[in-house]
């Protein structure tokens, strides 16, 4: 009287949208992740790689440590940077974060 009867369901009944519809949220999350995180990061890496390949003698740069200087020599993986008159350091190209416009550094 108070307990309802339990009936077995027919196999496959109620699963019309089961296949693709169950994966749709996962596909949408991946698409959002790609356009919001992965694609901009790949673009940033490409720009950084192009900047490092285009380094030339005379460019004024900012390093990851915050040092500002003028590039005096460029090798495969290393560059020489003159921080001030008579003070030159060697560092990896990857340490360069920004190439400044010409004439930014007056004292070097």
PDB file of N, CA and C in Angstrom:
ATOM      1  N   UNK A   1       0.819  -1.176   0.000  1.00  0.00           N
ATOM      2  CA  UNK A   1       0.000   0.000   0.000  1.00  0.00           C
ATOM      3  C   UNK A   1       0.872   1.251   0.000  1.00  0.00           C
ATOM      4  N   UNK A   2       1.878   1.332   0.893  1.00  0.00           N
ATOM      5  CA  UNK A   2       2.741   2.509   0.938  1.00  0.00           C
ATOM      6  C   UNK A   2       3.989   2.339   0.084  1.00  0.00           C
ATOM      7  N   UNK A   3       4.297   1.134  -0.293  1.00  0.00           N
ATOM      8  CA  UNK A   3       5.489   0.876  -1.096  1.00  0.00           C
ATOM      9  C   UNK A   3       5.053   0.676  -2.536  1.00  0.00           C
ATOM     10  N   UNK A   4       5.689   1.438  -3.446  1.00  0.00           N
ATOM     11  CA  UNK A   4       5.320   1.307  -4.852  1.00  0.00           C
ATOM     12  C   UNK A   4       6.040   0.107  -5.459  1.00  0.00           C
ATOM     13  N   UNK A   5       5.509  -0.390  -6.521  1.00  0.00           N
ATOM     14  CA  UNK A   5       6.100  -1.536  -7.199  1.00  0.00           C
ATOM     15  C   UNK A   5       7.304  -1.080  -8.029  1.00  0.00           C
ATOM     16  N   UNK A   6       8.343  -1.883  -8.059  1.00  0.00           N
ATOM     17  CA  UNK A   6       9.535  -1.621  -8.857  1.00  0.00           C
ATOM     18  C   UNK A   6       9.468  -2.460 -10.107  1.00  0.00           C
ATOM     19  N   UNK A   7       9.556  -1.830 -11.252  1.00  0.00           N
ATOM     20  CA  UNK A   7       9.494  -2.543 -12.514  1.00  0.00           C
ATOM     21  C   UNK A   7      10.857  -2.448 -13.199  1.00  0.00           C
ATOM     22  N   UNK A   8      11.237  -3.491 -13.881  1.00  0.00           N
ATOM     23  CA  UNK A   8      12.495  -3.512 -14.629  1.00  0.00           C
ATOM     24  C   UNK A   8      12.339  -2.659 -15.886  1.00  0.00           C
ATOM     25  N   UNK A   9      13.394  -1.932 -16.227  1.00  0.00           N
ATOM     26  CA  UNK A   9      13.343  -1.114 -17.429  1.00  0.00           C
ATOM     27  C   UNK A   9      13.676  -1.956 -18.646  1.00  0.00           C
ATOM     28  N   UNK A  10      13.165  -1.531 -19.770  1.00  0.00           N
ATOM     29  CA  UNK A  10      13.464  -2.189 -21.027  1.00  0.00           C
ATOM     30  C   UNK A  10      14.880  -1.770 -21.421  1.00  0.00           C
ATOM     31  N   UNK A  11      15.765  -2.705 -21.805  1.00  0.00           N
ATOM     32  CA  UNK A  11      17.136  -2.350 -22.185  1.00  0.00           C
ATOM     33  C   UNK A  11      17.144  -1.340 -23.322  1.00  0.00           C
ATOM     34  N   UNK A  12      17.953  -0.282 -23.163  1.00  0.00           N
ATOM     35  CA  UNK A  12      18.077   0.745 -24.192  1.00  0.00           C
ATOM     36  C   UNK A  12      16.997   1.796 -24.121  1.00  0.00           C
ATOM     37  N   UNK A  13      16.084   1.675 -23.222  1.00  0.00           N
ATOM     38  CA  UNK A  13      14.998   2.645 -23.126  1.00  0.00           C
ATOM     39  C   UNK A  13      15.490   3.885 -22.389  1.00  0.00           C
ATOM     40  N   UNK A  14      15.285   5.058 -22.946  1.00  0.00           N
ATOM     41  CA  UNK A  14      15.666   6.308 -22.297  1.00  0.00           C
ATOM     42  C   UNK A  14      17.095   6.734 -22.572  1.00  0.00           C
ATOM     43  N   UNK A  15      17.786   6.078 -23.473  1.00  0.00           N
ATOM     44  CA  UNK A  15      19.180   6.441 -23.778  1.00  0.00           C
ATOM     45  C   UNK A  15      19.317   6.863 -25.233  1.00  0.00           C
ATOM     46  N   UNK A  16      18.373   7.644 -25.735  1.00  0.00           N
ATOM     47  CA  UNK A  16      18.439   8.047 -27.135  1.00  0.00           C
ATOM     48  C   UNK A  16      19.662   8.911 -27.428  1.00  0.00           C
ATOM     49  N   UNK A  17      20.039   9.822 -26.509  1.00  0.00           N
ATOM     50  CA  UNK A  17      21.158  10.727 -26.755  1.00  0.00           C
ATOM     51  C   UNK A  17      22.419  10.289 -26.047  1.00  0.00           C
ATOM     52  N   UNK A  18      22.606   9.045 -25.798  1.00  0.00           N
ATOM     53  CA  UNK A  18      23.710   8.546 -24.985  1.00  0.00           C
ATOM     54  C   UNK A  18      25.083   8.715 -25.593  1.00  0.00           C
ATOM     55  N   UNK A  19      25.296   8.420 -26.863  1.00  0.00           N
ATOM     56  CA  UNK A  19      26.622   8.383 -27.464  1.00  0.00           C
ATOM     57  C   UNK A  19      27.367   9.702 -27.435  1.00  0.00           C
ATOM     58  N   UNK A  20      27.047  10.577 -28.337  1.00  0.00           N
ATOM     59  CA  UNK A  20      27.751  11.849 -28.469  1.00  0.00           C
ATOM     60  C   UNK A  20      27.378  12.827 -27.364  1.00  0.00           C
ATOM     61  N   UNK A  21      26.153  12.768 -26.923  1.00  0.00           N
ATOM     62  CA  UNK A  21      25.694  13.724 -25.911  1.00  0.00           C
ATOM     63  C   UNK A  21      26.420  13.552 -24.578  1.00  0.00           C
ATOM     64  N   UNK A  22      26.876  12.352 -24.276  1.00  0.00           N
ATOM     65  CA  UNK A  22      27.595  12.166 -23.015  1.00  0.00           C
ATOM     66  C   UNK A  22      29.012  12.741 -23.092  1.00  0.00           C
ATOM     67  N   UNK A  23      29.584  12.824 -24.298  1.00  0.00           N
ATOM     68  CA  UNK A  23      30.930  13.374 -24.450  1.00  0.00           C
ATOM     69  C   UNK A  23      30.926  14.859 -24.794  1.00  0.00           C
ATOM     70  N   UNK A  24      29.785  15.428 -25.065  1.00  0.00           N
ATOM     71  CA  UNK A  24      29.701  16.828 -25.462  1.00  0.00           C
ATOM     72  C   UNK A  24      30.272  17.788 -24.412  1.00  0.00           C
ATOM     73  N   UNK A  25      29.979  17.638 -23.122  1.00  0.00           N
ATOM     74  CA  UNK A  25      30.595  18.550 -22.136  1.00  0.00           C
ATOM     75  C   UNK A  25      32.115  18.438 -22.098  1.00  0.00           C
ATOM     76  N   UNK A  26      32.637  17.236 -22.254  1.00  0.00           N
ATOM     77  CA  UNK A  26      34.089  17.048 -22.263  1.00  0.00           C
ATOM     78  C   UNK A  26      34.716  17.721 -23.481  1.00  0.00           C
ATOM     79  N   UNK A  27      34.072  17.594 -24.621  1.00  0.00           N
ATOM     80  CA  UNK A  27      34.580  18.220 -25.849  1.00  0.00           C
ATOM     81  C   UNK A  27      34.525  19.743 -25.729  1.00  0.00           C
ATOM     82  N   UNK A  28      33.451  20.269 -25.173  1.00  0.00           N
ATOM     83  CA  UNK A  28      33.334  21.716 -24.989  1.00  0.00           C
ATOM     84  C   UNK A  28      34.375  22.249 -24.011  1.00  0.00           C
ATOM     85  N   UNK A  29      34.646  21.515 -22.932  1.00  0.00           N
ATOM     86  CA  UNK A  29      35.668  21.959 -21.971  1.00  0.00           C
ATOM     87  C   UNK A  29      37.046  21.975 -22.619  1.00  0.00           C
ATOM     88  N   UNK A  30      37.356  20.976 -23.438  1.00  0.00           N
ATOM     89  CA  UNK A  30      38.646  20.958 -24.113  1.00  0.00           C
ATOM     90  C   UNK A  30      38.767  22.122 -25.098  1.00  0.00           C
ATOM     91  N   UNK A  31      37.688  22.432 -25.807  1.00  0.00           N
ATOM     92  CA  UNK A  31      37.714  23.548 -26.762  1.00  0.00           C
ATOM     93  C   UNK A  31      37.960  24.871 -26.041  1.00  0.00           C
ATOM     94  N   UNK A  32      37.283  25.074 -24.927  1.00  0.00           N
ATOM     95  CA  UNK A  32      37.490  26.305 -24.153  1.00  0.00           C
ATOM     96  C   UNK A  32      38.918  26.354 -23.620  1.00  0.00           C
ATOM     97  N   UNK A  33      39.424  25.243 -23.111  1.00  0.00           N
ATOM     98  CA  UNK A  33      40.794  25.182 -22.595  1.00  0.00           C
ATOM     99  C   UNK A  33      41.792  25.517 -23.698  1.00  0.00           C
ATOM    100  N   UNK A  34      41.559  25.003 -24.893  1.00  0.00           N
ATOM    101  CA  UNK A  34      42.471  25.254 -26.003  1.00  0.00           C
ATOM    102  C   UNK A  34      42.508  26.742 -26.362  1.00  0.00           C
ATOM    103  N   UNK A  35      41.343  27.354 -26.510  1.00  0.00           N
ATOM    104  CA  UNK A  35      41.302  28.747 -26.953  1.00  0.00           C
ATOM    105  C   UNK A  35      41.658  29.739 -25.854  1.00  0.00           C
ATOM    106  N   UNK A  36      41.501  29.367 -24.592  1.00  0.00           N
ATOM    107  CA  UNK A  36      41.783  30.293 -23.501  1.00  0.00           C
ATOM    108  C   UNK A  36      43.207  30.142 -22.976  1.00  0.00           C
ATOM    109  N   UNK A  37      43.747  28.926 -22.960  1.00  0.00           N
ATOM    110  CA  UNK A  37      45.057  28.720 -22.350  1.00  0.00           C
ATOM    111  C   UNK A  37      46.137  28.256 -23.322  1.00  0.00           C
ATOM    112  N   UNK A  38      45.883  27.228 -24.095  1.00  0.00           N
ATOM    113  CA  UNK A  38      46.934  26.600 -24.896  1.00  0.00           C
ATOM    114  C   UNK A  38      47.341  27.475 -26.077  1.00  0.00           C
ATOM    115  N   UNK A  39      46.396  27.970 -26.830  1.00  0.00           N
ATOM    116  CA  UNK A  39      46.697  28.762 -28.023  1.00  0.00           C
ATOM    117  C   UNK A  39      47.445  30.057 -27.707  1.00  0.00           C
ATOM    118  N   UNK A  40      47.023  30.852 -26.700  1.00  0.00           N
ATOM    119  CA  UNK A  40      47.800  32.059 -26.380  1.00  0.00           C
ATOM    120  C   UNK A  40      49.225  31.742 -25.902  1.00  0.00           C
ATOM    121  N   UNK A  41      49.395  30.641 -25.166  1.00  0.00           N
ATOM    122  CA  UNK A  41      50.732  30.281 -24.697  1.00  0.00           C
ATOM    123  C   UNK A  41      51.628  29.901 -25.866  1.00  0.00           C
ATOM    124  N   UNK A  42      51.106  29.172 -26.836  1.00  0.00           N
ATOM    125  CA  UNK A  42      51.900  28.811 -28.012  1.00  0.00           C
ATOM    126  C   UNK A  42      52.274  30.056 -28.808  1.00  0.00           C
ATOM    127  N   UNK A  43      51.367  31.017 -28.899  1.00  0.00           N
ATOM    128  CA  UNK A  43      51.646  32.269 -29.615  1.00  0.00           C
ATOM    129  C   UNK A  43      52.751  33.054 -28.909  1.00  0.00           C
ATOM    130  N   UNK A  44      52.691  33.105 -27.574  1.00  0.00           N
ATOM    131  CA  UNK A  44      53.706  33.803 -26.795  1.00  0.00           C
ATOM    132  C   UNK A  44      55.076  33.142 -26.969  1.00  0.00           C
ATOM    133  N   UNK A  45      55.124  31.807 -26.970  1.00  0.00           N
ATOM    134  CA  UNK A  45      56.387  31.100 -27.159  1.00  0.00           C
ATOM    135  C   UNK A  45      56.966  31.371 -28.543  1.00  0.00           C
ATOM    136  N   UNK A  46      56.114  31.422 -29.543  1.00  0.00           N
ATOM    137  CA  UNK A  46      56.560  31.698 -30.900  1.00  0.00           C
ATOM    138  C   UNK A  46      57.157  33.104 -31.006  1.00  0.00           C
ATOM    139  N   UNK A  47      56.506  34.085 -30.386  1.00  0.00           N
ATOM    140  CA  UNK A  47      57.021  35.458 -30.401  1.00  0.00           C
ATOM    141  C   UNK A  47      58.353  35.557 -29.673  1.00  0.00           C
ATOM    142  N   UNK A  48      58.483  34.875 -28.538  1.00  0.00           N
ATOM    143  CA  UNK A  48      59.734  34.892 -27.776  1.00  0.00           C
ATOM    144  C   UNK A  48      60.859  34.254 -28.577  1.00  0.00           C
ATOM    145  N   UNK A  49      60.579  33.126 -29.225  1.00  0.00           N
ATOM    146  CA  UNK A  49      61.594  32.449 -30.032  1.00  0.00           C
ATOM    147  C   UNK A  49      62.053  33.353 -31.183  1.00  0.00           C
ATOM    148  N   UNK A  50      61.117  34.047 -31.817  1.00  0.00           N
ATOM    149  CA  UNK A  50      61.471  34.954 -32.920  1.00  0.00           C
ATOM    150  C   UNK A  50      62.309  36.119 -32.410  1.00  0.00           C
ATOM    151  N   UNK A  51      61.978  36.644 -31.214  1.00  0.00           N
ATOM    152  CA  UNK A  51      62.744  37.753 -30.646  1.00  0.00           C
ATOM    153  C   UNK A  51      64.178  37.308 -30.348  1.00  0.00           C
ATOM    154  N   UNK A  52      64.354  36.116 -29.772  1.00  0.00           N
ATOM    155  CA  UNK A  52      65.690  35.642 -29.435  1.00  0.00           C
ATOM    156  C   UNK A  52      66.521  35.347 -30.681  1.00  0.00           C
ATOM    157  N   UNK A  53      65.889  34.849 -31.743  1.00  0.00           N
ATOM    158  CA  UNK A  53      66.624  34.589 -32.979  1.00  0.00           C
ATOM    159  C   UNK A  53      67.029  35.880 -33.676  1.00  0.00           C
ATOM    160  N   UNK A  54      66.282  36.957 -33.447  1.00  0.00           N
ATOM    161  CA  UNK A  54      66.561  38.229 -34.108  1.00  0.00           C
ATOM    162  C   UNK A  54      67.532  39.113 -33.318  1.00  0.00           C
ATOM    163  N   UNK A  55      68.032  38.634 -32.174  1.00  0.00           N
ATOM    164  CA  UNK A  55      68.979  39.444 -31.387  1.00  0.00           C
ATOM    165  C   UNK A  55      70.215  39.748 -32.220  1.00  0.00           C
ATOM    166  N   UNK A  56      70.653  40.994 -32.170  1.00  0.00           N
ATOM    167  CA  UNK A  56      71.826  41.416 -32.933  1.00  0.00           C
ATOM    168  C   UNK A  56      72.682  42.333 -32.065  1.00  0.00           C
ATOM    169  N   UNK A  57      73.913  42.507 -32.474  1.00  0.00           N
ATOM    170  CA  UNK A  57      74.823  43.396 -31.765  1.00  0.00           C
ATOM    171  C   UNK A  57      74.248  44.809 -31.813  1.00  0.00           C
ATOM    172  N   UNK A  58      74.236  45.480 -30.661  1.00  0.00           N
ATOM    173  CA  UNK A  58      73.722  46.832 -30.572  1.00  0.00           C
ATOM    174  C   UNK A  58      72.315  46.914 -30.014  1.00  0.00           C
ATOM    175  N   UNK A  59      71.629  45.772 -29.917  1.00  0.00           N
ATOM    176  CA  UNK A  59      70.283  45.783 -29.334  1.00  0.00           C
ATOM    177  C   UNK A  59      70.369  46.069 -27.840  1.00  0.00           C
ATOM    178  N   UNK A  60      69.406  46.805 -27.348  1.00  0.00           N
ATOM    179  CA  UNK A  60      69.321  47.097 -25.916  1.00  0.00           C
ATOM    180  C   UNK A  60      68.276  46.162 -25.330  1.00  0.00           C
ATOM    181  N   UNK A  61      68.666  45.429 -24.260  1.00  0.00           N
ATOM    182  CA  UNK A  61      67.821  44.356 -23.737  1.00  0.00           C
ATOM    183  C   UNK A  61      67.614  44.479 -22.237  1.00  0.00           C
ATOM    184  N   UNK A  62      66.548  43.814 -21.767  1.00  0.00           N
ATOM    185  CA  UNK A  62      66.285  43.641 -20.345  1.00  0.00           C
ATOM    186  C   UNK A  62      66.346  42.144 -20.088  1.00  0.00           C
ATOM    187  N   UNK A  63      67.071  41.732 -19.043  1.00  0.00           N
ATOM    188  CA  UNK A  63      67.204  40.315 -18.731  1.00  0.00           C
ATOM    189  C   UNK A  63      66.171  39.891 -17.691  1.00  0.00           C
ATOM    190  N   UNK A  64      66.109  38.583 -17.454  1.00  0.00           N
ATOM    191  CA  UNK A  64      65.177  38.043 -16.466  1.00  0.00           C
ATOM    192  C   UNK A  64      65.514  38.536 -15.066  1.00  0.00           C
ATOM    193  N   UNK A  65      66.752  38.857 -14.812  1.00  0.00           N
ATOM    194  CA  UNK A  65      67.166  39.365 -13.512  1.00  0.00           C
ATOM    195  C   UNK A  65      66.965  40.862 -13.353  1.00  0.00           C
ATOM    196  N   UNK A  66      66.512  41.533 -14.407  1.00  0.00           N
ATOM    197  CA  UNK A  66      66.249  42.957 -14.327  1.00  0.00           C
ATOM    198  C   UNK A  66      67.411  43.831 -14.779  1.00  0.00           C
ATOM    199  N   UNK A  67      68.464  43.224 -15.299  1.00  0.00           N
ATOM    200  CA  UNK A  67      69.605  44.001 -15.778  1.00  0.00           C
ATOM    201  C   UNK A  67      69.300  44.585 -17.153  1.00  0.00           C
ATOM    202  N   UNK A  68      69.743  45.826 -17.364  1.00  0.00           N
ATOM    203  CA  UNK A  68      69.587  46.483 -18.657  1.00  0.00           C
ATOM    204  C   UNK A  68      70.965  46.663 -19.259  1.00  0.00           C
ATOM    205  N   UNK A  69      71.090  46.398 -20.542  1.00  0.00           N
ATOM    206  CA  UNK A  69      72.386  46.558 -21.185  1.00  0.00           C
ATOM    207  C   UNK A  69      72.288  46.473 -22.692  1.00  0.00           C
ATOM    208  N   UNK A  70      73.448  46.630 -23.322  1.00  0.00           N
ATOM    209  CA  UNK A  70      73.539  46.611 -24.777  1.00  0.00           C
ATOM    210  C   UNK A  70      74.287  45.352 -25.208  1.00  0.00           C
ATOM    211  N   UNK A  71      73.764  44.647 -26.185  1.00  0.00           N
ATOM    212  CA  UNK A  71      74.369  43.416 -26.684  1.00  0.00           C
ATOM    213  C   UNK A  71      75.636  43.774 -27.456  1.00  0.00           C
ATOM    214  N   UNK A  72      76.755  43.112 -27.079  1.00  0.00           N
ATOM    215  CA  UNK A  72      78.026  43.372 -27.750  1.00  0.00           C
ATOM    216  C   UNK A  72      78.490  42.196 -28.598  1.00  0.00           C
ATOM    217  N   UNK A  73      78.015  40.980 -28.294  1.00  0.00           N
ATOM    218  CA  UNK A  73      78.386  39.800 -29.081  1.00  0.00           C
ATOM    219  C   UNK A  73      77.263  38.779 -28.989  1.00  0.00           C
ATOM    220  N   UNK A  74      77.013  38.096 -30.113  1.00  0.00           N
ATOM    221  CA  UNK A  74      75.965  37.076 -30.164  1.00  0.00           C
ATOM    222  C   UNK A  74      76.578  35.782 -30.669  1.00  0.00           C
ATOM    223  N   UNK A  75      76.397  34.709 -29.901  1.00  0.00           N
ATOM    224  CA  UNK A  75      76.837  33.373 -30.309  1.00  0.00           C
ATOM    225  C   UNK A  75      75.599  32.494 -30.394  1.00  0.00           C
ATOM    226  N   UNK A  76      75.784  31.179 -30.545  1.00  0.00           N
ATOM    227  CA  UNK A  76      74.644  30.274 -30.700  1.00  0.00           C
ATOM    228  C   UNK A  76      73.681  30.344 -29.524  1.00  0.00           C
ATOM    229  N   UNK A  77      74.168  30.070 -28.330  1.00  0.00           N
ATOM    230  CA  UNK A  77      73.314  30.026 -27.147  1.00  0.00           C
ATOM    231  C   UNK A  77      73.592  31.157 -26.163  1.00  0.00           C
ATOM    232  N   UNK A  78      74.683  31.891 -26.363  1.00  0.00           N
ATOM    233  CA  UNK A  78      75.100  32.904 -25.392  1.00  0.00           C
ATOM    234  C   UNK A  78      75.224  34.268 -26.054  1.00  0.00           C
ATOM    235  N   UNK A  79      75.058  35.309 -25.231  1.00  0.00           N
ATOM    236  CA  UNK A  79      75.276  36.672 -25.691  1.00  0.00           C
ATOM    237  C   UNK A  79      76.144  37.384 -24.658  1.00  0.00           C
ATOM    238  N   UNK A  80      76.849  38.412 -25.094  1.00  0.00           N
ATOM    239  CA  UNK A  80      77.597  39.285 -24.188  1.00  0.00           C
ATOM    240  C   UNK A  80      76.839  40.597 -24.102  1.00  0.00           C
ATOM    241  N   UNK A  81      76.623  41.049 -22.867  1.00  0.00           N
ATOM    242  CA  UNK A  81      75.861  42.272 -22.637  1.00  0.00           C
ATOM    243  C   UNK A  81      76.725  43.244 -21.854  1.00  0.00           C
ATOM    244  N   UNK A  82      76.848  44.466 -22.368  1.00  0.00           N
ATOM    245  CA  UNK A  82      77.590  45.517 -21.671  1.00  0.00           C
ATOM    246  C   UNK A  82      76.602  46.272 -20.792  1.00  0.00           C
ATOM    247  N   UNK A  83      76.811  46.162 -19.468  1.00  0.00           N
ATOM    248  CA  UNK A  83      75.908  46.801 -18.522  1.00  0.00           C
ATOM    249  C   UNK A  83      76.216  48.284 -18.370  1.00  0.00           C
ATOM    250  N   UNK A  84      77.497  48.625 -18.259  1.00  0.00           N
ATOM    251  CA  UNK A  84      77.959  50.009 -18.275  1.00  0.00           C
ATOM    252  C   UNK A  84      79.368  49.989 -18.845  1.00  0.00           C
ATOM    253  N   UNK A  85      79.991  51.138 -18.964  1.00  0.00           N
ATOM    254  CA  UNK A  85      81.303  51.216 -19.604  1.00  0.00           C
ATOM    255  C   UNK A  85      82.305  50.315 -18.886  1.00  0.00           C
ATOM    256  N   UNK A  86      82.847  49.327 -19.606  1.00  0.00           N
ATOM    257  CA  UNK A  86      83.862  48.440 -19.059  1.00  0.00           C
ATOM    258  C   UNK A  86      83.311  47.289 -18.230  1.00  0.00           C
ATOM    259  N   UNK A  87      82.017  47.115 -18.152  1.00  0.00           N
ATOM    260  CA  UNK A  87      81.424  46.041 -17.367  1.00  0.00           C
ATOM    261  C   UNK A  87      80.557  45.187 -18.291  1.00  0.00           C
ATOM    262  N   UNK A  88      81.100  44.024 -18.676  1.00  0.00           N
ATOM    263  CA  UNK A  88      80.418  43.170 -19.644  1.00  0.00           C
ATOM    264  C   UNK A  88      80.190  41.792 -19.031  1.00  0.00           C
ATOM    265  N   UNK A  89      79.029  41.226 -19.261  1.00  0.00           N
ATOM    266  CA  UNK A  89      78.700  39.888 -18.743  1.00  0.00           C
ATOM    267  C   UNK A  89      78.236  39.015 -19.900  1.00  0.00           C
ATOM    268  N   UNK A  90      78.434  37.701 -19.709  1.00  0.00           N
ATOM    269  CA  UNK A  90      77.925  36.738 -20.670  1.00  0.00           C
ATOM    270  C   UNK A  90      76.732  36.030 -20.052  1.00  0.00           C
ATOM    271  N   UNK A  91      75.713  35.778 -20.856  1.00  0.00           N
ATOM    272  CA  UNK A  91      74.522  35.097 -20.361  1.00  0.00           C
ATOM    273  C   UNK A  91      73.879  34.315 -21.489  1.00  0.00           C
ATOM    274  N   UNK A  92      72.970  33.427 -21.106  1.00  0.00           N
ATOM    275  CA  UNK A  92      72.239  32.662 -22.105  1.00  0.00           C
ATOM    276  C   UNK A  92      71.211  33.560 -22.792  1.00  0.00           C
ATOM    277  N   UNK A  93      70.910  33.232 -24.034  1.00  0.00           N
ATOM    278  CA  UNK A  93      69.917  34.009 -24.769  1.00  0.00           C
ATOM    279  C   UNK A  93      68.554  33.952 -24.093  1.00  0.00           C
ATOM    280  N   UNK A  94      68.237  32.829 -23.472  1.00  0.00           N
ATOM    281  CA  UNK A  94      66.945  32.662 -22.827  1.00  0.00           C
ATOM    282  C   UNK A  94      66.716  33.603 -21.663  1.00  0.00           C
ATOM    283  N   UNK A  95      67.782  34.232 -21.160  1.00  0.00           N
ATOM    284  CA  UNK A  95      67.650  35.164 -20.045  1.00  0.00           C
ATOM    285  C   UNK A  95      67.118  36.521 -20.488  1.00  0.00           C
ATOM    286  N   UNK A  96      67.086  36.769 -21.791  1.00  0.00           N
ATOM    287  CA  UNK A  96      66.582  38.037 -22.306  1.00  0.00           C
ATOM    288  C   UNK A  96      65.057  37.981 -22.328  1.00  0.00           C
ATOM    289  N   UNK A  97      64.422  38.960 -21.709  1.00  0.00           N
ATOM    290  CA  UNK A  97      62.963  38.992 -21.682  1.00  0.00           C
ATOM    291  C   UNK A  97      62.387  40.018 -22.643  1.00  0.00           C
ATOM    292  N   UNK A  98      63.099  41.131 -22.851  1.00  0.00           N
ATOM    293  CA  UNK A  98      62.571  42.205 -23.690  1.00  0.00           C
ATOM    294  C   UNK A  98      63.699  42.862 -24.469  1.00  0.00           C
ATOM    295  N   UNK A  99      63.429  43.210 -25.706  1.00  0.00           N
ATOM    296  CA  UNK A  99      64.342  44.044 -26.488  1.00  0.00           C
ATOM    297  C   UNK A  99      63.758  45.449 -26.472  1.00  0.00           C
ATOM    298  N   UNK A 100      64.553  46.392 -25.963  1.00  0.00           N
ATOM    299  CA  UNK A 100      64.092  47.780 -25.844  1.00  0.00           C
ATOM    300  C   UNK A 100      64.270  48.527 -27.167  1.00  0.00           C
ATOM    301  N   UNK A 101      63.524  49.598 -27.363  1.00  0.00           N
ATOM    302  CA  UNK A 101      63.739  50.433 -28.558  1.00  0.00           C
ATOM    303  C   UNK A 101      65.124  51.080 -28.514  1.00  0.00           C
ATOM    304  N   UNK A 102      65.686  51.328 -29.683  1.00  0.00           N
ATOM    305  CA  UNK A 102      67.026  51.929 -29.774  1.00  0.00           C
ATOM    306  C   UNK A 102      67.027  53.301 -29.093  1.00  0.00           C
ATOM    307  N   UNK A 103      68.106  53.572 -28.345  1.00  0.00           N
ATOM    308  CA  UNK A 103      68.254  54.859 -27.677  1.00  0.00           C
ATOM    309  C   UNK A 103      67.633  54.924 -26.303  1.00  0.00           C
ATOM    310  N   UNK A 104      67.109  53.822 -25.801  1.00  0.00           N
ATOM    311  CA  UNK A 104      66.494  53.819 -24.464  1.00  0.00           C
ATOM    312  C   UNK A 104      67.547  53.989 -23.396  1.00  0.00           C
ATOM    313  N   UNK A 105      68.681  53.307 -23.557  1.00  0.00           N
ATOM    314  CA  UNK A 105      69.775  53.406 -22.585  1.00  0.00           C
ATOM    315  C   UNK A 105      70.741  54.498 -23.039  1.00  0.00           C
ATOM    316  N   UNK A 106      70.904  55.518 -22.231  1.00  0.00           N
ATOM    317  CA  UNK A 106      71.793  56.614 -22.591  1.00  0.00           C
ATOM    318  C   UNK A 106      73.191  56.438 -22.024  1.00  0.00           C
ATOM    319  N   UNK A 107      73.303  55.758 -20.867  1.00  0.00           N
ATOM    320  CA  UNK A 107      74.584  55.706 -20.174  1.00  0.00           C
ATOM    321  C   UNK A 107      75.515  54.618 -20.682  1.00  0.00           C
ATOM    322  N   UNK A 108      75.045  53.695 -21.492  1.00  0.00           N
ATOM    323  CA  UNK A 108      75.907  52.598 -21.955  1.00  0.00           C
ATOM    324  C   UNK A 108      76.647  53.017 -23.175  1.00  0.00           C
TER     325      UNK A 108
END
